[in-house]
Amino acid sequence: MKKILWIPYPTVIFLIRVFLGLIFFGAGMSKLYFEHKFPGIIGPVWLEDELAPHGLGLYARFIASSQIIVGLLLLTQRFATLGAVLLFPVLLNILMVTISLEWRGTPYVNSFLLLLNTWLLLYDWPKLKFIFSDKTAIVKPIPLTRKSN
């Protein structure tokens, strides 16, 4: 088992998944919830109001909905790899919006979250490498055993 300082590596990955899951679930819900009363840690609840003059109000709702879905996937450890894969383009979109609208400080926060997400994707590389390779020999078959009731 690899260790970072004294913390077991899978524990760090679990904590990053939960952290990103809570961040993005809360951010999406605070944008879509009635009168923005859902407690969110990050993200402007007024994103739709900010993007509407540019004709991007629907895009803001799409980003908020995507954040909710990705956050839930990351919180369910079974689908966390799928959540990390989906979070990457969501984060890139958010980063491009914050850069194009010249928001100060926000691109740095998004870049840090993108770095955490990249770490998750590197951890899950053994699960994802078959997408990028034509060699099926490198993919190790995993026997599935299910317990029936």
C-alpha atoms as a PDB file:
ATOM      1  CA  MET A   1       0.000   0.000   0.000  1.00  0.00           C
ATOM      2  CA  LYS A   2       1.453   3.359  -1.002  1.00  0.00           C
ATOM      3  CA  LYS A   3       1.549   6.013   1.657  1.00  0.00           C
ATOM      4  CA  ILE A   4       1.736   9.778   1.559  1.00  0.00           C
ATOM      5  CA  LEU A   5       3.468  10.736   4.764  1.00  0.00           C
ATOM      6  CA  TRP A   6       1.513   8.665   7.295  1.00  0.00           C
ATOM      7  CA  ILE A   7      -1.859   8.654   5.478  1.00  0.00           C
ATOM      8  CA  PRO A   8      -2.712   5.553   3.417  1.00  0.00           C
ATOM      9  CA  TYR A   9      -3.102   6.445  -0.265  1.00  0.00           C
ATOM     10  CA  PRO A  10      -6.670   5.072  -0.699  1.00  0.00           C
ATOM     11  CA  THR A  11      -7.758   7.169   2.277  1.00  0.00           C
ATOM     12  CA  VAL A  12      -6.498  10.328   0.571  1.00  0.00           C
ATOM     13  CA  ILE A  13      -8.363   9.390  -2.623  1.00  0.00           C
ATOM     14  CA  PHE A  14     -11.531   8.735  -0.616  1.00  0.00           C
ATOM     15  CA  LEU A  15     -11.233  12.130   1.098  1.00  0.00           C
ATOM     16  CA  ILE A  16     -10.677  13.917  -2.229  1.00  0.00           C
ATOM     17  CA  ARG A  17     -13.737  12.182  -3.698  1.00  0.00           C
ATOM     18  CA  VAL A  18     -15.908  13.182  -0.744  1.00  0.00           C
ATOM     19  CA  PHE A  19     -14.513  16.729  -0.753  1.00  0.00           C
ATOM     20  CA  LEU A  20     -15.144  17.248  -4.475  1.00  0.00           C
ATOM     21  CA  GLY A  21     -18.521  15.504  -4.236  1.00  0.00           C
ATOM     22  CA  LEU A  22     -19.722  17.791  -1.454  1.00  0.00           C
ATOM     23  CA  ILE A  23     -18.293  20.882  -3.135  1.00  0.00           C
ATOM     24  CA  PHE A  24     -19.993  20.259  -6.463  1.00  0.00           C
ATOM     25  CA  PHE A  25     -23.282  18.884  -5.154  1.00  0.00           C
ATOM     26  CA  GLY A  26     -23.622  21.939  -2.908  1.00  0.00           C
ATOM     27  CA  ALA A  27     -22.561  24.342  -5.658  1.00  0.00           C
ATOM     28  CA  GLY A  28     -25.095  22.950  -8.127  1.00  0.00           C
ATOM     29  CA  MET A  29     -27.952  22.813  -5.630  1.00  0.00           C
ATOM     30  CA  SER A  30     -27.316  26.371  -4.417  1.00  0.00           C
ATOM     31  CA  LYS A  31     -27.652  27.613  -8.012  1.00  0.00           C
ATOM     32  CA  LEU A  32     -30.850  25.682  -8.793  1.00  0.00           C
ATOM     33  CA  TYR A  33     -32.609  25.516  -5.415  1.00  0.00           C
ATOM     34  CA  PHE A  34     -35.537  27.880  -4.803  1.00  0.00           C
ATOM     35  CA  GLU A  35     -34.269  31.418  -4.044  1.00  0.00           C
ATOM     36  CA  HIS A  36     -30.718  30.057  -3.668  1.00  0.00           C
ATOM     37  CA  LYS A  37     -31.284  29.023  -0.047  1.00  0.00           C
ATOM     38  CA  PHE A  38     -29.429  25.716  -0.330  1.00  0.00           C
ATOM     39  CA  PRO A  39     -26.125  25.959   1.560  1.00  0.00           C
ATOM     40  CA  GLY A  40     -23.284  25.875  -0.958  1.00  0.00           C
ATOM     41  CA  ILE A  41     -19.600  26.073  -0.153  1.00  0.00           C
ATOM     42  CA  ILE A  42     -18.375  27.546  -3.437  1.00  0.00           C
ATOM     43  CA  GLY A  43     -19.771  28.908  -6.631  1.00  0.00           C
ATOM     44  CA  PRO A  44     -21.758  32.039  -7.264  1.00  0.00           C
ATOM     45  CA  VAL A  45     -25.470  31.408  -6.787  1.00  0.00           C
ATOM     46  CA  TRP A  46     -26.070  34.282  -9.204  1.00  0.00           C
ATOM     47  CA  LEU A  47     -24.283  32.542 -12.093  1.00  0.00           C
ATOM     48  CA  GLU A  48     -27.423  32.437 -14.242  1.00  0.00           C
ATOM     49  CA  ASP A  49     -28.004  36.164 -13.683  1.00  0.00           C
ATOM     50  CA  GLU A  50     -24.392  36.871 -14.644  1.00  0.00           C
ATOM     51  CA  LEU A  51     -24.467  34.787 -17.839  1.00  0.00           C
ATOM     52  CA  ALA A  52     -28.011  35.683 -18.992  1.00  0.00           C
ATOM     53  CA  PRO A  53     -26.995  39.024 -20.589  1.00  0.00           C
ATOM     54  CA  HIS A  54     -24.596  37.048 -22.785  1.00  0.00           C
ATOM     55  CA  GLY A  55     -27.381  34.651 -23.832  1.00  0.00           C
ATOM     56  CA  LEU A  56     -25.981  31.873 -21.618  1.00  0.00           C
ATOM     57  CA  GLY A  57     -28.704  31.481 -18.980  1.00  0.00           C
ATOM     58  CA  LEU A  58     -29.549  27.942 -20.078  1.00  0.00           C
ATOM     59  CA  TYR A  59     -25.835  27.106 -20.106  1.00  0.00           C
ATOM     60  CA  ALA A  60     -25.614  28.195 -16.451  1.00  0.00           C
ATOM     61  CA  ARG A  61     -28.478  25.822 -15.558  1.00  0.00           C
ATOM     62  CA  PHE A  62     -26.736  23.034 -17.479  1.00  0.00           C
ATOM     63  CA  ILE A  63     -23.517  23.612 -15.528  1.00  0.00           C
ATOM     64  CA  ALA A  64     -25.446  23.609 -12.225  1.00  0.00           C
ATOM     65  CA  SER A  65     -27.256  20.378 -13.141  1.00  0.00           C
ATOM     66  CA  SER A  66     -23.959  18.803 -14.180  1.00  0.00           C
ATOM     67  CA  GLN A  67     -22.426  19.799 -10.860  1.00  0.00           C
ATOM     68  CA  ILE A  68     -25.241  18.044  -8.969  1.00  0.00           C
ATOM     69  CA  ILE A  69     -24.873  14.834 -10.996  1.00  0.00           C
ATOM     70  CA  VAL A  70     -21.088  14.787 -10.706  1.00  0.00           C
ATOM     71  CA  GLY A  71     -21.224  15.523  -6.988  1.00  0.00           C
ATOM     72  CA  LEU A  72     -23.604  12.634  -6.368  1.00  0.00           C
ATOM     73  CA  LEU A  73     -21.485  10.260  -8.466  1.00  0.00           C
ATOM     74  CA  LEU A  74     -18.356  11.180  -6.517  1.00  0.00           C
ATOM     75  CA  LEU A  75     -20.127  10.662  -3.201  1.00  0.00           C
ATOM     76  CA  THR A  76     -21.275   7.160  -4.161  1.00  0.00           C
ATOM     77  CA  GLN A  77     -17.910   5.434  -4.113  1.00  0.00           C
ATOM     78  CA  ARG A  78     -19.167   2.820  -6.592  1.00  0.00           C
ATOM     79  CA  PHE A  79     -19.517   5.392  -9.413  1.00  0.00           C
ATOM     80  CA  ALA A  80     -16.723   7.717  -8.298  1.00  0.00           C
ATOM     81  CA  THR A  81     -14.557   6.949 -11.344  1.00  0.00           C
ATOM     82  CA  LEU A  82     -17.402   7.945 -13.662  1.00  0.00           C
ATOM     83  CA  GLY A  83     -17.888  11.075 -11.569  1.00  0.00           C
ATOM     84  CA  ALA A  84     -14.211  11.981 -11.905  1.00  0.00           C
ATOM     85  CA  VAL A  85     -14.336  11.456 -15.673  1.00  0.00           C
ATOM     86  CA  LEU A  86     -17.426  13.670 -15.978  1.00  0.00           C
ATOM     87  CA  LEU A  87     -16.038  16.296 -13.613  1.00  0.00           C
ATOM     88  CA  PHE A  88     -13.025  16.976 -15.841  1.00  0.00           C
ATOM     89  CA  PRO A  89     -14.946  18.682 -18.696  1.00  0.00           C
ATOM     90  CA  VAL A  90     -17.246  20.418 -16.197  1.00  0.00           C
ATOM     91  CA  LEU A  91     -14.218  21.928 -14.473  1.00  0.00           C
ATOM     92  CA  LEU A  92     -12.681  22.932 -17.798  1.00  0.00           C
ATOM     93  CA  ASN A  93     -15.940  24.707 -18.760  1.00  0.00           C
ATOM     94  CA  ILE A  94     -16.104  26.499 -15.424  1.00  0.00           C
ATOM     95  CA  LEU A  95     -12.452  27.495 -15.751  1.00  0.00           C
ATOM     96  CA  MET A  96     -13.012  28.924 -19.242  1.00  0.00           C
ATOM     97  CA  VAL A  97     -16.069  30.903 -18.095  1.00  0.00           C
ATOM     98  CA  THR A  98     -14.185  32.396 -15.153  1.00  0.00           C
ATOM     99  CA  ILE A  99     -11.211  33.302 -17.339  1.00  0.00           C
ATOM    100  CA  SER A 100     -13.351  34.807 -20.119  1.00  0.00           C
ATOM    101  CA  LEU A 101     -15.378  36.895 -17.655  1.00  0.00           C
ATOM    102  CA  GLU A 102     -12.136  37.961 -15.929  1.00  0.00           C
ATOM    103  CA  TRP A 103     -13.141  36.905 -12.419  1.00  0.00           C
ATOM    104  CA  ARG A 104     -10.269  37.454 -10.039  1.00  0.00           C
ATOM    105  CA  GLY A 105      -9.094  34.539  -7.916  1.00  0.00           C
ATOM    106  CA  THR A 106     -11.704  32.082  -9.155  1.00  0.00           C
ATOM    107  CA  PRO A 107      -9.520  30.606 -11.923  1.00  0.00           C
ATOM    108  CA  TYR A 108      -6.930  29.703  -9.279  1.00  0.00           C
ATOM    109  CA  VAL A 109      -9.507  27.871  -7.166  1.00  0.00           C
ATOM    110  CA  ASN A 110     -10.804  26.057 -10.251  1.00  0.00           C
ATOM    111  CA  SER A 111      -7.262  25.133 -11.272  1.00  0.00           C
ATOM    112  CA  PHE A 112      -6.693  23.607  -7.835  1.00  0.00           C
ATOM    113  CA  LEU A 113      -9.925  21.605  -8.123  1.00  0.00           C
ATOM    114  CA  LEU A 114      -8.848  20.503 -11.611  1.00  0.00           C
ATOM    115  CA  LEU A 115      -5.541  19.325 -10.121  1.00  0.00           C
ATOM    116  CA  LEU A 116      -7.397  17.281  -7.470  1.00  0.00           C
ATOM    117  CA  ASN A 117      -9.596  15.774 -10.179  1.00  0.00           C
ATOM    118  CA  THR A 118      -6.548  14.912 -12.274  1.00  0.00           C
ATOM    119  CA  TRP A 119      -5.128  13.117  -9.239  1.00  0.00           C
ATOM    120  CA  LEU A 120      -8.330  11.051  -9.030  1.00  0.00           C
ATOM    121  CA  LEU A 121      -8.109  10.190 -12.724  1.00  0.00           C
ATOM    122  CA  LEU A 122      -4.470   9.120 -12.360  1.00  0.00           C
ATOM    123  CA  TYR A 123      -5.428   6.921  -9.422  1.00  0.00           C
ATOM    124  CA  ASP A 124      -8.176   5.317 -11.525  1.00  0.00           C
ATOM    125  CA  TRP A 125      -5.923   4.942 -14.584  1.00  0.00           C
ATOM    126  CA  PRO A 126      -5.974   1.109 -14.389  1.00  0.00           C
ATOM    127  CA  LYS A 127      -9.758   1.268 -14.805  1.00  0.00           C
ATOM    128  CA  LEU A 128      -9.571   3.765 -17.672  1.00  0.00           C
ATOM    129  CA  LYS A 129      -6.585   2.670 -19.737  1.00  0.00           C
ATOM    130  CA  PHE A 130      -8.599   0.278 -21.903  1.00  0.00           C
ATOM    131  CA  ILE A 131     -10.281   3.310 -23.485  1.00  0.00           C
ATOM    132  CA  PHE A 132      -6.966   4.525 -24.884  1.00  0.00           C
ATOM    133  CA  SER A 133      -5.413   1.193 -25.847  1.00  0.00           C
ATOM    134  CA  ASP A 134      -6.105  -1.301 -28.622  1.00  0.00           C
ATOM    135  CA  LYS A 135      -4.237  -3.995 -26.727  1.00  0.00           C
ATOM    136  CA  THR A 136      -6.730  -6.027 -24.781  1.00  0.00           C
ATOM    137  CA  ALA A 137      -3.974  -8.118 -23.204  1.00  0.00           C
ATOM    138  CA  ILE A 138      -3.108  -5.270 -20.827  1.00  0.00           C
ATOM    139  CA  VAL A 139      -6.620  -5.254 -19.412  1.00  0.00           C
ATOM    140  CA  LYS A 140      -6.769  -7.708 -16.548  1.00  0.00           C
ATOM    141  CA  PRO A 141     -10.071  -9.609 -16.320  1.00  0.00           C
ATOM    142  CA  ILE A 142     -11.790  -9.161 -12.998  1.00  0.00           C
ATOM    143  CA  PRO A 143     -13.911 -12.095 -11.884  1.00  0.00           C
ATOM    144  CA  LEU A 144     -17.301 -11.021 -10.659  1.00  0.00           C
ATOM    145  CA  THR A 145     -18.966 -12.872  -7.848  1.00  0.00           C
ATOM    146  CA  ARG A 146     -22.308 -11.743  -6.602  1.00  0.00           C
ATOM    147  CA  LYS A 147     -23.957 -12.935  -3.473  1.00  0.00           C
ATOM    148  CA  SER A 148     -27.604 -13.685  -3.997  1.00  0.00           C
ATOM    149  CA  ASN A 149     -30.134 -13.498  -1.188  1.00  0.00           C
END
